[in-house]
N, C-alpha and C. Protein backbone atom coordinates (compact mmCIF):
# COMPACT_ATOMS: atom_id res chain seq x y z
N MET A 1 -213.45 -42.45 81.56
CA MET A 1 -212.95 -43.43 82.50
C MET A 1 -213.96 -44.53 82.79
N GLN A 2 -215.24 -44.24 82.65
CA GLN A 2 -216.28 -45.22 82.94
C GLN A 2 -216.16 -46.44 82.01
N HIS A 3 -215.80 -46.20 80.74
CA HIS A 3 -215.65 -47.30 79.79
C HIS A 3 -214.48 -48.20 80.18
N VAL A 4 -213.41 -47.59 80.62
CA VAL A 4 -212.23 -48.35 81.05
C VAL A 4 -212.59 -49.22 82.24
N LYS A 5 -213.33 -48.68 83.19
CA LYS A 5 -213.74 -49.45 84.37
C LYS A 5 -214.59 -50.65 83.96
N LYS A 6 -215.50 -50.45 83.01
CA LYS A 6 -216.35 -51.56 82.56
C LYS A 6 -215.50 -52.66 81.92
N ILE A 7 -214.53 -52.27 81.11
CA ILE A 7 -213.63 -53.25 80.48
C ILE A 7 -212.85 -54.01 81.53
N VAL A 8 -212.27 -53.31 82.49
CA VAL A 8 -211.46 -53.94 83.54
C VAL A 8 -212.33 -54.85 84.41
N ASP A 9 -213.50 -54.39 84.81
CA ASP A 9 -214.40 -55.21 85.63
C ASP A 9 -214.81 -56.48 84.89
N THR A 10 -215.12 -56.35 83.61
CA THR A 10 -215.50 -57.53 82.82
C THR A 10 -214.34 -58.50 82.73
N TYR A 11 -213.14 -57.99 82.52
CA TYR A 11 -211.95 -58.84 82.44
C TYR A 11 -211.72 -59.59 83.76
N LYS A 12 -211.84 -58.88 84.86
CA LYS A 12 -211.60 -59.49 86.18
C LYS A 12 -212.67 -60.51 86.55
N GLU A 13 -213.93 -60.19 86.30
CA GLU A 13 -215.04 -61.04 86.72
C GLU A 13 -215.27 -62.22 85.77
N ARG A 14 -214.95 -62.03 84.50
CA ARG A 14 -215.11 -63.07 83.47
C ARG A 14 -216.47 -63.75 83.46
N PRO A 15 -217.54 -62.97 83.35
CA PRO A 15 -218.87 -63.59 83.27
C PRO A 15 -219.01 -64.33 81.94
N ASP A 16 -219.98 -65.22 81.84
CA ASP A 16 -220.21 -65.93 80.58
C ASP A 16 -220.70 -64.99 79.48
N LYS A 17 -221.50 -64.00 79.88
CA LYS A 17 -222.08 -63.12 78.87
C LYS A 17 -222.55 -61.81 79.51
N VAL A 18 -222.34 -60.72 78.81
CA VAL A 18 -222.92 -59.43 79.16
C VAL A 18 -223.62 -58.97 77.88
N GLU A 19 -224.94 -58.93 77.90
CA GLU A 19 -225.75 -58.66 76.70
C GLU A 19 -225.24 -57.45 75.92
N ARG A 20 -225.03 -57.64 74.63
CA ARG A 20 -224.58 -56.61 73.68
C ARG A 20 -223.22 -56.00 74.03
N TYR A 21 -222.40 -56.76 74.82
CA TYR A 21 -221.09 -56.23 75.19
C TYR A 21 -220.01 -57.29 75.14
N TYR A 22 -220.29 -58.45 75.68
CA TYR A 22 -219.25 -59.45 75.86
C TYR A 22 -219.86 -60.84 75.88
N ARG A 23 -219.15 -61.79 75.29
CA ARG A 23 -219.58 -63.19 75.34
C ARG A 23 -218.35 -64.07 75.23
N ARG A 24 -218.24 -65.02 76.13
CA ARG A 24 -217.14 -65.97 76.11
C ARG A 24 -217.49 -67.12 75.18
N VAL A 25 -216.58 -67.50 74.30
CA VAL A 25 -216.83 -68.62 73.39
C VAL A 25 -215.66 -69.59 73.44
N GLY A 26 -215.94 -70.83 73.08
CA GLY A 26 -214.91 -71.86 73.06
C GLY A 26 -214.22 -71.93 71.70
N MET A 27 -213.14 -72.70 71.66
CA MET A 27 -212.38 -72.85 70.42
C MET A 27 -213.20 -73.49 69.31
N ASN A 28 -214.13 -74.38 69.66
CA ASN A 28 -214.95 -75.01 68.62
C ASN A 28 -215.79 -73.98 67.87
N GLU A 29 -216.36 -73.02 68.60
CA GLU A 29 -217.15 -71.97 67.94
C GLU A 29 -216.27 -71.08 67.08
N ILE A 30 -215.09 -70.78 67.57
CA ILE A 30 -214.15 -69.96 66.80
C ILE A 30 -213.75 -70.70 65.52
N LYS A 31 -213.47 -71.98 65.64
CA LYS A 31 -213.10 -72.79 64.46
C LYS A 31 -214.26 -72.85 63.47
N THR A 32 -215.49 -73.05 63.98
CA THR A 32 -216.68 -73.11 63.13
C THR A 32 -216.84 -71.84 62.31
N ASN A 33 -216.43 -70.71 62.88
CA ASN A 33 -216.52 -69.42 62.19
C ASN A 33 -215.24 -69.09 61.43
N ASP A 34 -214.49 -70.13 61.06
CA ASP A 34 -213.25 -69.97 60.29
C ASP A 34 -212.28 -69.00 60.97
N PHE A 35 -212.23 -69.03 62.29
CA PHE A 35 -211.32 -68.22 63.09
C PHE A 35 -211.53 -66.72 62.89
N ASN A 36 -212.72 -66.35 62.46
CA ASN A 36 -213.08 -64.95 62.27
C ASN A 36 -213.54 -64.41 63.63
N LEU A 37 -212.80 -63.45 64.17
CA LEU A 37 -213.12 -62.89 65.49
C LEU A 37 -213.85 -61.55 65.39
N ASN A 38 -214.29 -61.18 64.18
CA ASN A 38 -215.04 -59.94 64.03
C ASN A 38 -216.36 -60.01 64.78
N ILE A 39 -216.79 -58.89 65.28
CA ILE A 39 -218.04 -58.79 66.02
C ILE A 39 -219.18 -58.64 65.02
N THR A 40 -220.18 -59.51 65.13
CA THR A 40 -221.34 -59.40 64.24
C THR A 40 -222.37 -58.47 64.86
N ARG A 41 -222.99 -57.66 64.03
CA ARG A 41 -224.04 -56.74 64.49
C ARG A 41 -225.37 -57.44 64.34
N MET A 42 -226.20 -57.35 65.37
CA MET A 42 -227.51 -58.00 65.32
C MET A 42 -228.60 -56.98 65.34
């Protein structure tokens, strides 16, 4: 249940970034990446 809470809290709060978990991007960045929404591993 803890993972579900983190997902819901992130959705509700909509921060710009949560390190290694979530990042909001604009359409220009999505277009630049050929609309590829896969998560890259760093």
